[in-house]
Amino acid sequence: NNSLGACALGAICEALPSFDLVELSLGYSYVGQGPSLTQEQADENMVKLAACLKHAPHLETLALQKCGMQPSGFAQLICGLSAAPLLKRLLLDSNVLGNTSLGAVLLACPSIETLSLQDAAITDPTTMRHALEDAATAPRLRDLYLGANSWRGARALESLRAVAATRGLNLLNLDVEHETCR
Protein backbone atom coordinates (compact mmCIF):
# COMPACT_ATOMS: atom_id res chain seq x y z
CA ASN A 1 0.00 0.00 0.00
CA ASN A 2 2.62 2.51 -1.09
CA SER A 3 2.39 5.46 -3.45
CA LEU A 4 5.29 5.00 -5.81
CA GLY A 5 6.35 8.22 -7.45
CA ALA A 6 7.96 8.75 -10.81
CA CYS A 7 11.30 9.05 -9.01
CA ALA A 8 10.97 5.55 -7.50
CA LEU A 9 9.79 4.09 -10.81
CA GLY A 10 12.69 5.85 -12.52
CA ALA A 11 15.12 4.19 -10.10
CA ILE A 12 13.52 0.81 -10.79
CA CYS A 13 13.79 1.47 -14.52
CA GLU A 14 17.49 2.35 -14.22
CA ALA A 15 18.23 -0.80 -12.21
CA LEU A 16 16.40 -3.22 -14.52
CA PRO A 17 19.09 -3.62 -17.20
CA SER A 18 21.41 -5.16 -14.60
CA PHE A 19 18.84 -7.86 -13.77
CA ASP A 20 17.25 -10.60 -15.81
CA LEU A 21 13.81 -9.77 -14.41
CA VAL A 22 11.18 -12.48 -14.83
CA GLU A 23 8.52 -11.17 -12.42
CA LEU A 24 7.56 -7.64 -11.41
CA SER A 25 4.92 -7.07 -8.75
CA LEU A 26 3.76 -3.54 -8.06
CA GLY A 27 0.33 -4.60 -6.84
CA TYR A 28 -1.24 -2.47 -4.15
CA SER A 29 1.26 0.31 -4.88
CA TYR A 30 -0.36 3.41 -6.26
CA VAL A 31 1.45 3.84 -9.53
CA GLY A 32 -1.80 5.13 -10.98
CA GLN A 33 -4.22 7.48 -9.29
CA GLY A 34 -4.01 7.16 -5.55
CA PRO A 35 -4.76 9.07 -2.40
CA SER A 36 -1.69 11.28 -2.77
CA LEU A 37 -1.21 11.40 -6.55
CA THR A 38 -2.64 13.86 -9.05
CA GLN A 39 -3.74 12.73 -12.52
CA GLU A 40 -0.57 14.30 -13.95
CA GLN A 41 1.63 12.35 -11.52
CA ALA A 42 -0.26 9.14 -12.25
CA ASP A 43 0.20 9.62 -16.00
CA GLU A 44 3.92 10.29 -15.47
CA ASN A 45 4.15 7.07 -13.44
CA MET A 46 2.53 5.07 -16.24
CA VAL A 47 5.03 6.49 -18.74
CA LYS A 48 7.86 5.43 -16.39
CA LEU A 49 6.32 1.98 -15.93
CA ALA A 50 6.05 1.51 -19.70
CA ALA A 51 9.73 2.50 -19.94
CA CYS A 52 10.58 -0.05 -17.23
CA LEU A 53 9.00 -2.80 -19.28
CA LYS A 54 11.27 -1.96 -22.21
CA HIS A 55 14.22 -2.90 -19.97
CA ALA A 56 12.71 -6.26 -18.99
CA PRO A 57 12.59 -8.36 -22.18
CA HIS A 58 12.41 -11.63 -20.20
CA LEU A 59 9.48 -10.54 -18.05
CA GLU A 60 6.94 -13.36 -17.70
CA THR A 61 4.70 -12.06 -14.89
CA LEU A 62 3.48 -8.52 -14.26
CA ALA A 63 1.27 -7.96 -11.22
CA LEU A 64 -0.47 -4.60 -11.03
CA GLN A 65 -3.50 -5.35 -8.90
CA LYS A 66 -5.24 -2.41 -7.25
CA CYS A 67 -2.67 0.18 -8.22
CA GLY A 68 -5.06 2.99 -9.14
CA MET A 69 -4.87 2.52 -12.89
CA GLN A 70 -7.38 4.47 -14.99
CA PRO A 71 -8.06 4.16 -18.76
CA SER A 72 -5.59 6.94 -19.68
CA GLY A 73 -2.77 5.31 -17.71
CA PHE A 74 -3.71 1.92 -19.08
CA ALA A 75 -3.13 3.23 -22.60
CA GLN A 76 0.43 4.14 -21.58
CA LEU A 77 0.96 0.69 -20.09
CA ILE A 78 -0.16 -1.00 -23.32
CA CYS A 79 2.72 0.74 -25.14
CA GLY A 80 5.16 -0.86 -22.71
CA LEU A 81 3.55 -4.30 -22.81
CA SER A 82 4.50 -4.78 -26.44
CA ALA A 83 8.16 -4.55 -25.32
CA ALA A 84 7.72 -7.65 -23.12
CA PRO A 85 7.36 -10.40 -25.74
CA LEU A 86 7.57 -13.26 -23.21
CA LEU A 87 4.85 -11.95 -20.87
CA LYS A 88 2.67 -14.90 -19.83
CA ARG A 89 0.81 -13.67 -16.73
CA LEU A 90 -0.76 -10.24 -16.37
CA LEU A 91 -2.74 -9.39 -13.25
CA LEU A 92 -4.73 -6.16 -13.49
CA ASP A 93 -7.46 -6.77 -10.90
CA SER A 94 -9.20 -3.92 -9.07
CA ASN A 95 -8.25 -1.17 -11.50
CA VAL A 96 -10.66 0.95 -13.55
CA LEU A 97 -9.82 -0.30 -17.04
CA GLY A 98 -13.15 -0.52 -18.86
CA ASN A 99 -14.64 -2.55 -21.67
CA THR A 100 -11.84 -2.30 -24.23
CA SER A 101 -9.13 -3.53 -21.86
CA LEU A 102 -9.21 -7.18 -22.97
CA GLY A 103 -8.81 -6.40 -26.65
CA ALA A 104 -5.94 -4.01 -25.97
CA VAL A 105 -4.07 -6.57 -23.86
CA LEU A 106 -4.60 -9.40 -26.35
CA LEU A 107 -3.19 -7.31 -29.18
CA ALA A 108 -0.20 -6.10 -27.15
CA CYS A 109 0.66 -9.46 -25.56
CA PRO A 110 0.57 -12.31 -28.08
CA SER A 111 2.23 -14.79 -25.68
CA ILE A 112 -0.16 -14.13 -22.77
CA GLU A 113 -1.43 -17.32 -21.09
CA THR A 114 -3.14 -15.97 -17.95
CA LEU A 115 -4.97 -12.66 -17.74
CA SER A 116 -6.82 -11.45 -14.67
CA LEU A 117 -9.28 -8.57 -15.07
CA GLN A 118 -11.39 -9.08 -11.97
CA ASP A 119 -13.17 -6.00 -10.65
CA ALA A 120 -11.84 -3.97 -13.59
CA ALA A 121 -14.95 -1.88 -14.36
CA ILE A 122 -15.93 -4.12 -17.27
CA THR A 123 -19.65 -4.03 -18.01
CA ASP A 124 -20.07 -5.15 -21.62
CA PRO A 125 -19.46 -8.84 -22.34
CA THR A 126 -20.18 -8.25 -26.04
CA THR A 127 -17.02 -6.13 -26.42
CA MET A 128 -15.02 -8.85 -24.70
CA ARG A 129 -16.58 -11.56 -26.86
CA HIS A 130 -15.51 -9.69 -30.01
CA ALA A 131 -11.95 -9.45 -28.67
CA LEU A 132 -11.88 -13.23 -28.15
CA GLU A 133 -13.50 -14.29 -31.43
CA ASP A 134 -10.26 -14.10 -33.42
CA ALA A 135 -8.39 -17.20 -32.27
CA ALA A 136 -5.19 -15.87 -33.89
CA THR A 137 -5.15 -13.07 -31.31
CA ALA A 138 -3.21 -14.23 -28.24
CA PRO A 139 -3.39 -17.92 -29.24
CA ARG A 140 -1.77 -19.08 -25.97
CA LEU A 141 -4.40 -17.51 -23.71
CA ARG A 142 -5.84 -20.26 -21.50
CA ASP A 143 -6.98 -18.70 -18.22
CA LEU A 144 -9.09 -15.56 -18.09
CA TYR A 145 -10.29 -14.23 -14.74
CA LEU A 146 -13.29 -11.90 -15.09
CA GLY A 147 -15.12 -12.08 -11.75
CA ALA A 148 -16.51 -9.14 -9.76
CA ASN A 149 -17.47 -7.03 -12.77
CA SER A 150 -20.97 -5.56 -13.19
CA TRP A 151 -22.12 -7.20 -16.41
CA ARG A 152 -24.92 -5.83 -18.56
CA GLY A 153 -27.05 -8.71 -19.81
CA ALA A 154 -26.92 -12.35 -18.78
CA ARG A 155 -27.48 -13.44 -22.40
CA ALA A 156 -24.44 -11.54 -23.63
CA LEU A 157 -22.45 -13.06 -20.78
CA GLU A 158 -23.48 -16.53 -21.95
CA SER A 159 -22.32 -15.71 -25.50
CA LEU A 160 -18.95 -14.70 -24.02
CA ARG A 161 -18.81 -18.11 -22.34
CA ALA A 162 -19.59 -19.82 -25.66
CA VAL A 163 -16.75 -18.06 -27.50
CA ALA A 164 -14.39 -18.88 -24.64
CA ALA A 165 -15.39 -22.54 -24.85
CA THR A 166 -14.71 -22.55 -28.60
CA ARG A 167 -11.18 -21.25 -27.93
CA GLY A 168 -10.63 -23.70 -25.09
CA LEU A 169 -10.40 -20.91 -22.52
CA ASN A 170 -10.99 -21.31 -18.83
CA LEU A 171 -13.20 -18.44 -17.68
CA LEU A 172 -12.42 -18.35 -14.00
CA ASN A 173 -14.37 -16.75 -11.17
CA LEU A 174 -17.22 -16.04 -13.57
CA ASP A 175 -20.55 -17.49 -12.54
CA VAL A 176 -23.66 -15.98 -14.13
CA GLU A 177 -25.75 -16.81 -11.08
CA HIS A 178 -23.40 -14.94 -8.76
CA GLU A 179 -22.38 -12.06 -11.03
CA THR A 180 -24.26 -8.78 -10.99
CA CYS A 181 -26.17 -8.57 -14.27
CA ARG A 182 -28.17 -5.46 -15.13
C-alpha atoms as a PDB file:
ATOM      1  CA  ASN A   1       0.000   0.000   0.000  1.00  0.00           C
ATOM      2  CA  ASN A   2       2.618   2.505  -1.090  1.00  0.00           C
ATOM      3  CA  SER A   3       2.389   5.455  -3.448  1.00  0.00           C
ATOM      4  CA  LEU A   4       5.293   5.003  -5.813  1.00  0.00           C
ATOM      5  CA  GLY A   5       6.346   8.221  -7.451  1.00  0.00           C
ATOM      6  CA  ALA A   6       7.963   8.753 -10.814  1.00  0.00           C
ATOM      7  CA  CYS A   7      11.295   9.049  -9.010  1.00  0.00           C
ATOM      8  CA  ALA A   8      10.975   5.549  -7.504  1.00  0.00           C
ATOM      9  CA  LEU A   9       9.790   4.095 -10.810  1.00  0.00           C
ATOM     10  CA  GLY A  10      12.693   5.848 -12.525  1.00  0.00           C
ATOM     11  CA  ALA A  11      15.115   4.187 -10.099  1.00  0.00           C
ATOM     12  CA  ILE A  12      13.518   0.806 -10.788  1.00  0.00           C
ATOM     13  CA  CYS A  13      13.795   1.472 -14.518  1.00  0.00           C
ATOM     14  CA  GLU A  14      17.491   2.354 -14.216  1.00  0.00           C
ATOM     15  CA  ALA A  15      18.225  -0.798 -12.211  1.00  0.00           C
ATOM     16  CA  LEU A  16      16.397  -3.222 -14.522  1.00  0.00           C
ATOM     17  CA  PRO A  17      19.095  -3.619 -17.203  1.00  0.00           C
ATOM     18  CA  SER A  18      21.408  -5.158 -14.600  1.00  0.00           C
ATOM     19  CA  PHE A  19      18.841  -7.860 -13.770  1.00  0.00           C
ATOM     20  CA  ASP A  20      17.249 -10.601 -15.808  1.00  0.00           C
ATOM     21  CA  LEU A  21      13.815  -9.774 -14.413  1.00  0.00           C
ATOM     22  CA  VAL A  22      11.178 -12.483 -14.827  1.00  0.00           C
ATOM     23  CA  GLU A  23       8.520 -11.169 -12.423  1.00  0.00           C
ATOM     24  CA  LEU A  24       7.556  -7.640 -11.412  1.00  0.00           C
ATOM     25  CA  SER A  25       4.921  -7.069  -8.755  1.00  0.00           C
ATOM     26  CA  LEU A  26       3.764  -3.543  -8.057  1.00  0.00           C
ATOM     27  CA  GLY A  27       0.331  -4.598  -6.842  1.00  0.00           C
ATOM     28  CA  TYR A  28      -1.244  -2.467  -4.151  1.00  0.00           C
ATOM     29  CA  SER A  29       1.260   0.308  -4.884  1.00  0.00           C
ATOM     30  CA  TYR A  30      -0.363   3.410  -6.261  1.00  0.00           C
ATOM     31  CA  VAL A  31       1.450   3.841  -9.534  1.00  0.00           C
ATOM     32  CA  GLY A  32      -1.805   5.128 -10.985  1.00  0.00           C
ATOM     33  CA  GLN A  33      -4.219   7.479  -9.290  1.00  0.00           C
ATOM     34  CA  GLY A  34      -4.013   7.162  -5.549  1.00  0.00           C
ATOM     35  CA  PRO A  35      -4.756   9.068  -2.401  1.00  0.00           C
ATOM     36  CA  SER A  36      -1.691  11.276  -2.769  1.00  0.00           C
ATOM     37  CA  LEU A  37      -1.205  11.403  -6.555  1.00  0.00           C
ATOM     38  CA  THR A  38      -2.643  13.859  -9.055  1.00  0.00           C
ATOM     39  CA  GLN A  39      -3.736  12.726 -12.519  1.00  0.00           C
ATOM     40  CA  GLU A  40      -0.574  14.301 -13.945  1.00  0.00           C
ATOM     41  CA  GLN A  41       1.631  12.349 -11.520  1.00  0.00           C
ATOM     42  CA  ALA A  42      -0.263   9.137 -12.248  1.00  0.00           C
ATOM     43  CA  ASP A  43       0.200   9.621 -16.004  1.00  0.00           C
ATOM     44  CA  GLU A  44       3.924  10.288 -15.474  1.00  0.00           C
ATOM     45  CA  ASN A  45       4.151   7.073 -13.443  1.00  0.00           C
ATOM     46  CA  MET A  46       2.533   5.074 -16.240  1.00  0.00           C
ATOM     47  CA  VAL A  47       5.031   6.485 -18.744  1.00  0.00           C
ATOM     48  CA  LYS A  48       7.857   5.426 -16.394  1.00  0.00           C
ATOM     49  CA  LEU A  49       6.322   1.977 -15.929  1.00  0.00           C
ATOM     50  CA  ALA A  50       6.051   1.514 -19.701  1.00  0.00           C
ATOM     51  CA  ALA A  51       9.734   2.499 -19.942  1.00  0.00           C
ATOM     52  CA  CYS A  52      10.584  -0.046 -17.226  1.00  0.00           C
ATOM     53  CA  LEU A  53       8.999  -2.802 -19.282  1.00  0.00           C
ATOM     54  CA  LYS A  54      11.270  -1.963 -22.208  1.00  0.00           C
ATOM     55  CA  HIS A  55      14.221  -2.901 -19.973  1.00  0.00           C
ATOM     56  CA  ALA A  56      12.708  -6.259 -18.994  1.00  0.00           C
ATOM     57  CA  PRO A  57      12.588  -8.355 -22.176  1.00  0.00           C
ATOM     58  CA  HIS A  58      12.411 -11.626 -20.199  1.00  0.00           C
ATOM     59  CA  LEU A  59       9.479 -10.537 -18.048  1.00  0.00           C
ATOM     60  CA  GLU A  60       6.938 -13.355 -17.702  1.00  0.00           C
ATOM     61  CA  THR A  61       4.700 -12.057 -14.886  1.00  0.00           C
ATOM     62  CA  LEU A  62       3.485  -8.523 -14.260  1.00  0.00           C
ATOM     63  CA  ALA A  63       1.271  -7.962 -11.217  1.00  0.00           C
ATOM     64  CA  LEU A  64      -0.468  -4.596 -11.030  1.00  0.00           C
ATOM     65  CA  GLN A  65      -3.500  -5.348  -8.895  1.00  0.00           C
ATOM     66  CA  LYS A  66      -5.238  -2.407  -7.246  1.00  0.00           C
ATOM     67  CA  CYS A  67      -2.667   0.175  -8.224  1.00  0.00           C
ATOM     68  CA  GLY A  68      -5.058   2.990  -9.139  1.00  0.00           C
ATOM     69  CA  MET A  69      -4.866   2.525 -12.895  1.00  0.00           C
ATOM     70  CA  GLN A  70      -7.377   4.473 -14.993  1.00  0.00           C
ATOM     71  CA  PRO A  71      -8.060   4.160 -18.761  1.00  0.00           C
ATOM     72  CA  SER A  72      -5.587   6.941 -19.679  1.00  0.00           C
ATOM     73  CA  GLY A  73      -2.775   5.314 -17.706  1.00  0.00           C
ATOM     74  CA  PHE A  74      -3.714   1.917 -19.081  1.00  0.00           C
ATOM     75  CA  ALA A  75      -3.132   3.229 -22.604  1.00  0.00           C
ATOM     76  CA  GLN A  76       0.429   4.142 -21.578  1.00  0.00           C
ATOM     77  CA  LEU A  77       0.959   0.687 -20.091  1.00  0.00           C
ATOM     78  CA  ILE A  78      -0.160  -1.001 -23.318  1.00  0.00           C
ATOM     79  CA  CYS A  79       2.718   0.737 -25.141  1.00  0.00           C
ATOM     80  CA  GLY A  80       5.161  -0.862 -22.710  1.00  0.00           C
ATOM     81  CA  LEU A  81       3.551  -4.299 -22.809  1.00  0.00           C
ATOM     82  CA  SER A  82       4.502  -4.777 -26.438  1.00  0.00           C
ATOM     83  CA  ALA A  83       8.162  -4.555 -25.315  1.00  0.00           C
ATOM     84  CA  ALA A  84       7.716  -7.647 -23.122  1.00  0.00           C
ATOM     85  CA  PRO A  85       7.356 -10.403 -25.739  1.00  0.00           C
ATOM     86  CA  LEU A  86       7.571 -13.256 -23.212  1.00  0.00           C
ATOM     87  CA  LEU A  87       4.847 -11.953 -20.875  1.00  0.00           C
ATOM     88  CA  LYS A  88       2.674 -14.901 -19.826  1.00  0.00           C
ATOM     89  CA  ARG A  89       0.811 -13.670 -16.729  1.00  0.00           C
ATOM     90  CA  LEU A  90      -0.764 -10.240 -16.370  1.00  0.00           C
ATOM     91  CA  LEU A  91      -2.743  -9.389 -13.246  1.00  0.00           C
ATOM     92  CA  LEU A  92      -4.732  -6.156 -13.486  1.00  0.00           C
ATOM     93  CA  ASP A  93      -7.458  -6.767 -10.897  1.00  0.00           C
ATOM     94  CA  SER A  94      -9.201  -3.923  -9.067  1.00  0.00           C
ATOM     95  CA  ASN A  95      -8.253  -1.170 -11.502  1.00  0.00           C
ATOM     96  CA  VAL A  96     -10.663   0.953 -13.550  1.00  0.00           C
ATOM     97  CA  LEU A  97      -9.823  -0.300 -17.042  1.00  0.00           C
ATOM     98  CA  GLY A  98     -13.147  -0.515 -18.862  1.00  0.00           C
ATOM     99  CA  ASN A  99     -14.641  -2.551 -21.670  1.00  0.00           C
ATOM    100  CA  THR A 100     -11.835  -2.299 -24.234  1.00  0.00           C
ATOM    101  CA  SER A 101      -9.127  -3.533 -21.857  1.00  0.00           C
ATOM    102  CA  LEU A 102      -9.215  -7.181 -22.967  1.00  0.00           C
ATOM    103  CA  GLY A 103      -8.810  -6.401 -26.652  1.00  0.00           C
ATOM    104  CA  ALA A 104      -5.936  -4.011 -25.975  1.00  0.00           C
ATOM    105  CA  VAL A 105      -4.072  -6.572 -23.862  1.00  0.00           C
ATOM    106  CA  LEU A 106      -4.603  -9.398 -26.349  1.00  0.00           C
ATOM    107  CA  LEU A 107      -3.192  -7.312 -29.184  1.00  0.00           C
ATOM    108  CA  ALA A 108      -0.202  -6.097 -27.149  1.00  0.00           C
ATOM    109  CA  CYS A 109       0.656  -9.463 -25.557  1.00  0.00           C
ATOM    110  CA  PRO A 110       0.573 -12.309 -28.082  1.00  0.00           C
ATOM    111  CA  SER A 111       2.228 -14.789 -25.683  1.00  0.00           C
ATOM    112  CA  ILE A 112      -0.160 -14.128 -22.766  1.00  0.00           C
ATOM    113  CA  GLU A 113      -1.429 -17.315 -21.087  1.00  0.00           C
ATOM    114  CA  THR A 114      -3.136 -15.967 -17.952  1.00  0.00           C
ATOM    115  CA  LEU A 115      -4.972 -12.662 -17.738  1.00  0.00           C
ATOM    116  CA  SER A 116      -6.823 -11.445 -14.674  1.00  0.00           C
ATOM    117  CA  LEU A 117      -9.278  -8.572 -15.075  1.00  0.00           C
ATOM    118  CA  GLN A 118     -11.390  -9.079 -11.972  1.00  0.00           C
ATOM    119  CA  ASP A 119     -13.168  -5.996 -10.653  1.00  0.00           C
ATOM    120  CA  ALA A 120     -11.838  -3.969 -13.594  1.00  0.00           C
ATOM    121  CA  ALA A 121     -14.953  -1.883 -14.362  1.00  0.00           C
ATOM    122  CA  ILE A 122     -15.926  -4.121 -17.271  1.00  0.00           C
ATOM    123  CA  THR A 123     -19.649  -4.034 -18.014  1.00  0.00           C
ATOM    124  CA  ASP A 124     -20.071  -5.149 -21.623  1.00  0.00           C
ATOM    125  CA  PRO A 125     -19.464  -8.841 -22.336  1.00  0.00           C
ATOM    126  CA  THR A 126     -20.176  -8.255 -26.044  1.00  0.00           C
ATOM    127  CA  THR A 127     -17.025  -6.130 -26.418  1.00  0.00           C
ATOM    128  CA  MET A 128     -15.023  -8.852 -24.699  1.00  0.00           C
ATOM    129  CA  ARG A 129     -16.582 -11.555 -26.862  1.00  0.00           C
ATOM    130  CA  HIS A 130     -15.506  -9.691 -30.014  1.00  0.00           C
ATOM    131  CA  ALA A 131     -11.945  -9.455 -28.670  1.00  0.00           C
ATOM    132  CA  LEU A 132     -11.876 -13.228 -28.151  1.00  0.00           C
ATOM    133  CA  GLU A 133     -13.497 -14.285 -31.432  1.00  0.00           C
ATOM    134  CA  ASP A 134     -10.258 -14.100 -33.419  1.00  0.00           C
ATOM    135  CA  ALA A 135      -8.387 -17.201 -32.274  1.00  0.00           C
ATOM    136  CA  ALA A 136      -5.192 -15.872 -33.886  1.00  0.00           C
ATOM    137  CA  THR A 137      -5.145 -13.066 -31.312  1.00  0.00           C
ATOM    138  CA  ALA A 138      -3.208 -14.235 -28.243  1.00  0.00           C
ATOM    139  CA  PRO A 139      -3.394 -17.918 -29.238  1.00  0.00           C
ATOM    140  CA  ARG A 140      -1.770 -19.080 -25.975  1.00  0.00           C
ATOM    141  CA  LEU A 141      -4.397 -17.508 -23.709  1.00  0.00           C
ATOM    142  CA  ARG A 142      -5.839 -20.255 -21.500  1.00  0.00           C
ATOM    143  CA  ASP A 143      -6.982 -18.701 -18.218  1.00  0.00           C
ATOM    144  CA  LEU A 144      -9.086 -15.559 -18.089  1.00  0.00           C
ATOM    145  CA  TYR A 145     -10.294 -14.226 -14.739  1.00  0.00           C
ATOM    146  CA  LEU A 146     -13.290 -11.901 -15.090  1.00  0.00           C
ATOM    147  CA  GLY A 147     -15.121 -12.080 -11.746  1.00  0.00           C
ATOM    148  CA  ALA A 148     -16.512  -9.144  -9.764  1.00  0.00           C
ATOM    149  CA  ASN A 149     -17.470  -7.035 -12.775  1.00  0.00           C
ATOM    150  CA  SER A 150     -20.974  -5.564 -13.192  1.00  0.00           C
ATOM    151  CA  TRP A 151     -22.120  -7.199 -16.408  1.00  0.00           C
ATOM    152  CA  ARG A 152     -24.921  -5.832 -18.564  1.00  0.00           C
ATOM    153  CA  GLY A 153     -27.049  -8.710 -19.811  1.00  0.00           C
ATOM    154  CA  ALA A 154     -26.924 -12.347 -18.777  1.00  0.00           C
ATOM    155  CA  ARG A 155     -27.483 -13.445 -22.397  1.00  0.00           C
ATOM    156  CA  ALA A 156     -24.437 -11.538 -23.628  1.00  0.00           C
ATOM    157  CA  LEU A 157     -22.449 -13.060 -20.782  1.00  0.00           C
ATOM    158  CA  GLU A 158     -23.479 -16.528 -21.950  1.00  0.00           C
ATOM    159  CA  SER A 159     -22.321 -15.714 -25.501  1.00  0.00           C
ATOM    160  CA  LEU A 160     -18.950 -14.702 -24.022  1.00  0.00           C
ATOM    161  CA  ARG A 161     -18.805 -18.105 -22.336  1.00  0.00           C
ATOM    162  CA  ALA A 162     -19.590 -19.820 -25.660  1.00  0.00           C
ATOM    163  CA  VAL A 163     -16.745 -18.056 -27.500  1.00  0.00           C
ATOM    164  CA  ALA A 164     -14.389 -18.877 -24.640  1.00  0.00           C
ATOM    165  CA  ALA A 165     -15.391 -22.543 -24.850  1.00  0.00           C
ATOM    166  CA  THR A 166     -14.711 -22.545 -28.600  1.00  0.00           C
ATOM    167  CA  ARG A 167     -11.183 -21.252 -27.934  1.00  0.00           C
ATOM    168  CA  GLY A 168     -10.625 -23.703 -25.087  1.00  0.00           C
ATOM    169  CA  LEU A 169     -10.396 -20.906 -22.519  1.00  0.00           C
ATOM    170  CA  ASN A 170     -10.993 -21.315 -18.830  1.00  0.00           C
ATOM    171  CA  LEU A 171     -13.196 -18.441 -17.677  1.00  0.00           C
ATOM    172  CA  LEU A 172     -12.418 -18.347 -13.996  1.00  0.00           C
ATOM    173  CA  ASN A 173     -14.369 -16.745 -11.172  1.00  0.00           C
ATOM    174  CA  LEU A 174     -17.221 -16.041 -13.565  1.00  0.00           C
ATOM    175  CA  ASP A 175     -20.551 -17.492 -12.542  1.00  0.00           C
ATOM    176  CA  VAL A 176     -23.657 -15.984 -14.129  1.00  0.00           C
ATOM    177  CA  GLU A 177     -25.752 -16.807 -11.077  1.00  0.00           C
ATOM    178  CA  HIS A 178     -23.399 -14.936  -8.759  1.00  0.00           C
ATOM    179  CA  GLU A 179     -22.382 -12.057 -11.027  1.00  0.00           C
ATOM    180  CA  THR A 180     -24.257  -8.783 -10.989  1.00  0.00           C
ATOM    181  CA  CYS A 181     -26.174  -8.573 -14.271  1.00  0.00           C
ATOM    182  CA  ARG A 182     -28.175  -5.462 -15.130  1.00  0.00           C
END
